[in-house]
Protein backbone atom coordinates (compact mmCIF):
# COMPACT_ATOMS: atom_id res chain seq x y z
CA MET A 1 138.31 63.43 59.91
CA ASN A 2 140.70 64.28 57.51
CA SER A 3 140.95 63.85 53.59
CA LEU A 4 143.89 61.85 52.23
CA ILE A 5 146.68 63.58 50.67
CA PHE A 6 146.36 65.63 47.54
CA PRO A 7 148.85 65.26 44.81
CA PRO A 8 150.48 68.80 43.43
CA TYR A 9 147.96 70.58 41.12
CA VAL A 10 149.56 70.93 37.76
CA HIS A 11 150.90 73.90 35.83
CA GLU A 12 151.36 74.45 32.12
CA GLY A 13 154.23 71.89 31.10
CA ASP A 14 153.83 69.51 33.59
CA ARG A 15 153.88 65.74 32.57
CA VAL A 16 151.15 63.42 32.24
CA ILE A 17 151.45 59.61 31.31
CA ILE A 18 148.44 57.81 29.67
CA LEU A 19 148.42 53.97 30.15
CA SER A 20 146.22 50.92 30.06
CA PRO A 21 145.93 49.01 33.13
CA SER A 22 142.98 46.87 32.17
CA SER A 23 141.53 46.11 28.88
CA LYS A 24 142.95 47.20 25.49
CA ILE A 25 141.51 50.44 23.79
CA ASP A 26 140.93 51.84 20.34
CA LYS A 27 144.20 53.43 19.80
CA SER A 28 142.55 56.28 18.49
CA PHE A 29 141.39 57.26 21.91
CA LEU A 30 144.95 57.22 22.99
CA LYS A 31 145.49 59.71 20.18
CA GLY A 32 142.59 62.12 21.18
CA ALA A 33 142.79 61.82 24.66
CA LYS A 34 146.89 62.96 23.98
CA LYS A 35 145.70 65.79 21.57
CA ARG A 36 143.19 67.23 24.48
CA LEU A 37 145.44 67.13 26.90
CA LYS A 38 148.28 68.67 24.87
CA SER A 39 145.68 71.30 24.38
CA TRP A 40 145.80 72.17 28.12
CA GLY A 41 149.46 72.82 27.66
CA LEU A 42 150.38 69.47 29.22
CA ASP A 43 153.57 67.49 28.12
CA VAL A 44 152.05 64.09 27.32
CA VAL A 45 153.57 60.48 27.10
CA VAL A 46 151.78 57.35 25.94
CA ALA A 47 153.21 54.73 28.01
CA LYS A 48 154.97 51.85 25.86
CA HIS A 49 152.19 49.03 26.32
CA ALA A 50 149.07 51.60 26.32
CA GLY A 51 148.28 50.63 23.05
CA SER A 52 148.90 46.77 23.12
CA ALA A 53 146.71 44.02 23.21
CA HIS A 54 147.17 40.34 25.08
CA GLY A 55 143.68 38.70 24.50
CA THR A 56 141.15 41.07 25.97
CA TYR A 57 143.99 42.88 28.18
CA ALA A 58 146.22 45.72 27.15
CA GLY A 59 149.44 43.93 27.24
CA SER A 60 150.22 40.76 29.35
CA ILE A 61 150.32 41.41 33.46
CA GLN A 62 153.98 42.05 33.56
CA GLN A 63 153.64 44.97 30.44
CA ARG A 64 150.68 46.53 32.47
CA LEU A 65 152.42 46.36 35.40
CA LYS A 66 155.80 47.87 34.19
CA ASP A 67 153.93 50.48 32.55
CA LEU A 68 152.15 51.68 35.64
CA GLN A 69 154.81 51.07 38.09
CA GLU A 70 157.37 53.39 35.78
CA ALA A 71 154.97 55.93 35.76
CA MET A 72 154.38 55.97 39.48
CA ASP A 73 158.11 56.25 39.72
CA ASP A 74 158.62 59.01 37.01
CA GLU A 75 159.41 62.18 39.32
CA LYS A 76 158.54 64.65 36.59
CA ALA A 77 154.97 63.23 36.26
CA LYS A 78 151.98 64.93 37.91
CA VAL A 79 149.31 62.95 36.07
CA ILE A 80 148.74 59.33 35.41
CA LEU A 81 145.33 59.19 33.29
CA CYS A 82 144.08 55.40 32.67
CA SER A 83 142.84 54.88 29.22
CA ARG A 84 139.83 52.65 29.71
CA GLY A 85 138.53 50.56 32.51
CA GLY A 86 137.10 47.06 31.35
CA TYR A 87 138.78 44.27 33.48
CA GLY A 88 142.47 43.64 34.72
CA ALA A 89 143.55 46.31 37.11
CA VAL A 90 143.05 43.70 39.95
CA HIS A 91 145.91 41.79 38.35
CA LEU A 92 148.21 44.74 39.60
CA VAL A 93 146.58 45.07 43.30
CA GLY A 94 149.24 44.06 45.78
CA GLN A 95 152.32 44.32 43.11
CA LEU A 96 152.68 47.92 43.30
CA ASP A 97 155.70 49.95 45.05
CA PHE A 98 154.92 53.07 46.29
CA THR A 99 158.40 54.42 47.80
CA LYS A 100 158.97 56.87 44.90
CA PHE A 101 155.23 57.84 44.43
CA ARG A 102 155.20 58.96 47.96
CA ARG A 103 158.09 61.20 47.47
CA HIS A 104 156.53 62.48 44.06
CA PRO A 105 152.77 62.12 44.30
CA LYS A 106 150.41 62.31 41.43
CA TRP A 107 147.01 62.21 40.59
CA LEU A 108 145.82 58.74 39.10
CA ILE A 109 142.58 59.06 36.84
CA GLY A 110 139.67 56.63 35.73
CA PHE A 111 136.78 55.14 36.78
CA SER A 112 135.29 51.29 36.38
CA ASP A 113 137.84 48.72 36.78
CA ILE A 114 140.03 51.73 37.57
CA THR A 115 138.02 51.80 40.85
CA ALA A 116 140.79 48.95 42.42
CA LEU A 117 143.73 51.11 41.98
CA HIS A 118 141.55 53.98 43.39
CA ASN A 119 141.10 51.78 46.60
CA VAL A 120 145.01 50.94 46.41
CA LEU A 121 145.77 54.76 46.37
CA GLN A 122 143.50 55.32 49.37
CA GLN A 123 144.93 52.25 51.45
CA ASN A 124 148.53 54.10 50.89
CA GLY A 125 147.12 57.57 52.08
CA PHE A 126 146.70 59.34 48.72
CA ALA A 127 143.57 61.16 46.95
CA SER A 128 142.80 60.21 43.03
CA LEU A 129 140.35 60.93 40.77
CA HIS A 130 137.25 58.71 39.61
CA ALA A 131 136.67 60.76 36.14
CA PRO A 132 136.27 60.38 32.74
CA MET A 133 138.85 58.36 30.39
CA ALA A 134 140.33 58.53 27.14
CA ARG A 135 137.44 58.25 24.94
CA HIS A 136 135.20 60.85 26.74
CA LEU A 137 138.22 63.56 26.50
CA THR A 138 138.30 62.24 22.85
CA VAL A 139 134.72 62.69 21.76
CA GLU A 140 133.35 65.43 24.10
CA PRO A 141 133.74 69.23 23.01
CA GLU A 142 136.26 71.29 25.20
CA ASP A 143 133.02 73.07 26.96
CA ASP A 144 131.99 69.66 28.03
CA PHE A 145 131.18 70.19 31.62
CA CYS A 146 132.80 67.03 32.91
CA THR A 147 135.93 67.90 31.13
CA GLN A 148 136.08 71.43 32.26
CA ALA A 149 135.59 70.21 35.84
CA LEU A 150 138.43 67.83 35.45
CA LYS A 151 140.60 70.33 33.85
CA ASP A 152 139.45 72.42 36.75
CA ILE A 153 140.28 70.15 39.57
CA LEU A 154 143.83 69.14 37.85
CA PHE A 155 144.77 72.77 38.20
CA GLY A 156 143.51 73.57 41.36
CA ASN A 157 141.10 76.09 39.94
CA LYS A 158 138.38 75.23 42.12
CA LEU A 159 139.97 73.69 44.89
CA GLN A 160 142.28 76.66 46.11
CA GLU A 161 139.10 79.21 46.47
CA GLU A 162 137.96 79.85 50.16
CA THR A 163 134.63 78.03 49.71
CA SER A 164 133.97 74.68 48.46
CA PHE A 165 132.85 73.43 45.44
CA GLY A 166 130.40 70.95 44.36
CA TYR A 167 127.83 69.60 42.24
CA THR A 168 124.17 69.87 42.48
CA CYS A 169 121.23 67.13 41.04
CA PRO A 170 117.74 67.10 41.19
CA ALA A 171 115.86 65.26 44.29
CA HIS A 172 114.75 62.13 43.92
CA LYS A 173 111.39 60.23 45.33
CA PHE A 174 113.62 57.56 47.09
CA ASN A 175 116.33 60.31 48.47
CA HIS A 176 116.67 60.39 52.21
CA LYS A 177 116.78 64.25 53.35
CA GLY A 178 119.36 65.18 55.63
CA GLU A 179 123.25 66.71 55.83
CA GLY A 180 126.25 64.60 56.46
CA THR A 181 129.99 64.58 56.48
CA GLY A 182 132.79 62.49 55.54
CA ILE A 183 135.45 60.92 53.70
CA LEU A 184 134.57 60.34 49.61
CA ARG A 185 135.18 56.71 48.78
CA GLY A 186 133.79 54.47 46.34
CA GLY A 187 133.35 53.73 42.20
CA ASN A 188 132.01 50.58 40.52
CA ILE A 189 130.51 48.48 43.14
CA SER A 190 131.13 45.19 41.56
CA VAL A 191 135.06 45.82 41.81
CA PHE A 192 135.06 47.12 45.02
CA TYR A 193 132.89 44.46 46.15
CA GLY A 194 135.72 42.11 44.80
CA LEU A 195 138.12 43.65 47.32
CA ARG A 196 135.77 43.06 50.22
CA GLY A 197 137.86 41.27 53.27
CA THR A 198 141.12 42.44 51.62
CA PRO A 199 143.59 44.74 52.75
CA TYR A 200 142.07 47.39 50.12
CA ASP A 201 138.52 47.38 51.31
CA ILE A 202 136.61 50.50 51.58
CA PRO A 203 136.61 51.49 55.33
CA ALA A 204 133.14 52.22 56.42
CA GLU A 205 133.00 54.37 59.16
CA GLY A 206 133.22 58.13 58.68
CA THR A 207 132.60 57.41 55.00
CA VAL A 208 130.49 59.10 52.03
CA LEU A 209 130.17 56.04 49.65
CA PHE A 210 129.21 56.35 46.18
CA ILE A 211 128.46 53.57 44.08
CA GLU A 212 127.52 52.78 40.19
CA ASP A 213 128.02 49.93 37.79
CA ILE A 214 127.20 48.69 34.14
CA GLY A 215 125.54 45.51 33.12
CA GLU A 216 125.10 44.22 36.35
CA ARG A 217 121.50 42.62 36.80
CA PRO A 218 119.57 43.98 39.48
CA HIS A 219 119.33 40.82 41.92
CA ALA A 220 123.68 40.87 41.50
CA VAL A 221 123.58 44.43 42.36
CA GLU A 222 121.22 43.85 45.48
CA ARG A 223 123.07 40.72 46.51
CA MET A 224 125.89 43.16 46.57
CA MET A 225 124.19 45.87 48.42
CA TYR A 226 123.03 42.69 50.93
CA ASN A 227 127.01 41.88 51.72
CA LEU A 228 127.50 45.36 52.64
CA LYS A 229 124.60 45.76 54.89
CA LEU A 230 125.12 42.08 56.55
CA GLY A 231 128.76 42.88 56.62
CA GLY A 232 127.91 46.16 59.07
CA VAL A 233 129.12 48.76 56.20
CA LEU A 234 125.82 50.22 55.47
CA GLU A 235 124.99 51.15 58.99
CA LYS A 236 128.34 53.06 59.93
CA LEU A 237 128.25 55.23 56.44
CA SER A 238 128.12 59.15 56.93
CA GLY A 239 126.22 59.11 53.80
CA LEU A 240 125.16 57.15 50.28
CA VAL A 241 125.30 58.49 46.76
CA ILE A 242 123.61 55.94 44.61
CA GLY A 243 124.85 57.02 40.87
CA GLN A 244 123.98 55.51 37.64
CA PHE A 245 123.52 51.95 36.68
CA THR A 246 123.32 51.28 32.76
CA GLU A 247 123.11 48.82 30.20
CA TYR A 248 120.76 46.38 32.03
CA GLU A 249 117.24 45.18 31.93
CA GLU A 250 114.95 45.73 34.94
CA ASN A 251 113.27 42.36 36.29
CA MET A 252 110.22 43.17 37.84
CA SER A 253 109.48 39.70 38.57
CA LEU A 254 111.68 40.97 41.63
CA GLY A 255 108.67 42.91 42.51
CA LYS A 256 110.70 46.34 41.90
CA ASP A 257 112.76 48.17 39.92
CA LEU A 258 116.44 48.46 40.88
CA TYR A 259 116.23 51.49 42.43
CA GLY A 260 113.25 50.52 44.46
CA ALA A 261 115.14 47.40 45.62
CA LEU A 262 117.85 49.39 46.95
CA ALA A 263 115.42 52.30 48.32
CA ASP A 264 113.86 49.13 50.32
CA LEU A 265 117.48 47.77 51.47
CA VAL A 266 118.59 51.10 53.02
CA LYS A 267 115.30 52.66 54.02
CA GLU A 268 116.15 51.70 57.96
CA TYR A 269 119.10 54.16 57.81
CA ASP A 270 118.96 58.05 59.15
CA TYR A 271 122.05 59.59 57.28
CA PRO A 272 121.33 61.54 53.51
CA ILE A 273 120.93 59.19 50.55
CA CYS A 274 120.70 60.50 47.20
CA PHE A 275 119.35 58.19 44.12
CA GLY A 276 120.42 59.16 40.73
CA PHE A 277 123.64 61.04 41.09
CA PRO A 278 125.39 61.96 37.80
CA VAL A 279 128.47 59.35 38.36
CA GLY A 280 128.93 56.45 36.26
CA HIS A 281 129.00 54.83 32.66
CA VAL A 282 127.21 58.22 31.14
CA THR A 283 128.44 61.25 29.49
CA MET A 284 127.86 63.24 32.41
CA ASN A 285 130.24 61.63 34.84
CA VAL A 286 131.15 64.00 36.77
CA PRO A 287 134.76 64.01 38.37
CA MET A 288 134.83 62.95 42.29
CA ILE A 289 137.80 63.07 44.39
CA ASN A 290 138.21 59.95 46.15
CA GLY A 291 139.74 60.34 49.45
CA ALA A 292 138.22 64.14 49.90
CA LEU A 293 136.35 65.30 52.78
CA VAL A 294 132.93 66.17 51.55
CA THR A 295 129.45 67.31 52.68
CA LEU A 296 126.13 65.57 51.19
CA GLU A 297 123.23 67.53 51.77
CA VAL A 298 119.79 66.02 50.36
CA GLY A 299 117.19 68.64 50.45
CA LYS A 300 113.58 68.62 49.18
CA LYS A 301 114.29 70.02 45.88
CA GLU A 302 117.88 69.05 45.15
CA VAL A 303 121.08 67.32 46.15
CA LYS A 304 124.17 68.98 46.73
CA LEU A 305 127.58 67.45 47.05
CA SER A 306 130.52 69.76 48.30
CA PHE A 307 134.46 69.13 48.45
CA ASN A 308 135.96 70.84 51.23
CA THR A 309 139.12 71.09 49.58
CA HIS A 310 140.48 74.14 50.71
CA LYS A 311 144.07 74.37 51.94
CA GLU A 312 144.78 76.82 54.90
């Protein structure tokens, strides 16, 4: 079981390209993200259509595709920061050429709708970063935990140490205790659910899956999870990390709250399962390296997710 290819760590002076592959964004967040990344000593380029608008999208499909392809092909760029999620990344899936990217791989950063692009990178053999985007980099202070963690990962501050780095969170009453190792994959459940049955689907075996979502009704989340269950995905996992579900109303007519319904759905599995992990549409949205080899340890009092990234 091996992690995917890690793009090179960045150094001062390296190029970052900010672009918008999904929904349009408030331009003030593009400026804020640029300012924050420049403060890290990076050379920041804002893509031509990053601040464009085409209906609800950040430009037409052709404009968004052009920006992303040019960023992927840029030999000097080391990082691609997606400005925000929303909807629209799926328009670009299947249209990307990895020929030059393979020679000059780079970190792709984003979450929410950007889950679709993470799946594309994994299908092509590359790790990527499910992590905060432009708004977070604009409004949160420099000492914000997630901002600092993102910086540390990009610069390799944590990833070249002899021991793995990781995150801990408190135990939850629905957790399944245990330890499991696998490749970390996942993100927004609605987005990767939309890629089920395609070449960009998430492979189940040997995967530690993490999920989160925003604005989805409990029965819709449960339906998607049943798809994973009936499709044989859940039974093959090495671990499951259930993150934050936000901006929805509990429907107690279902007999349980959302976490309770999910707990019932996964109760038969004996691998480690964590509820309430700090990932999702929340301020404490810790950077997750999609494609990294991780160990999930679920104990009585706390949960630890360790990234086994040390390179020999």
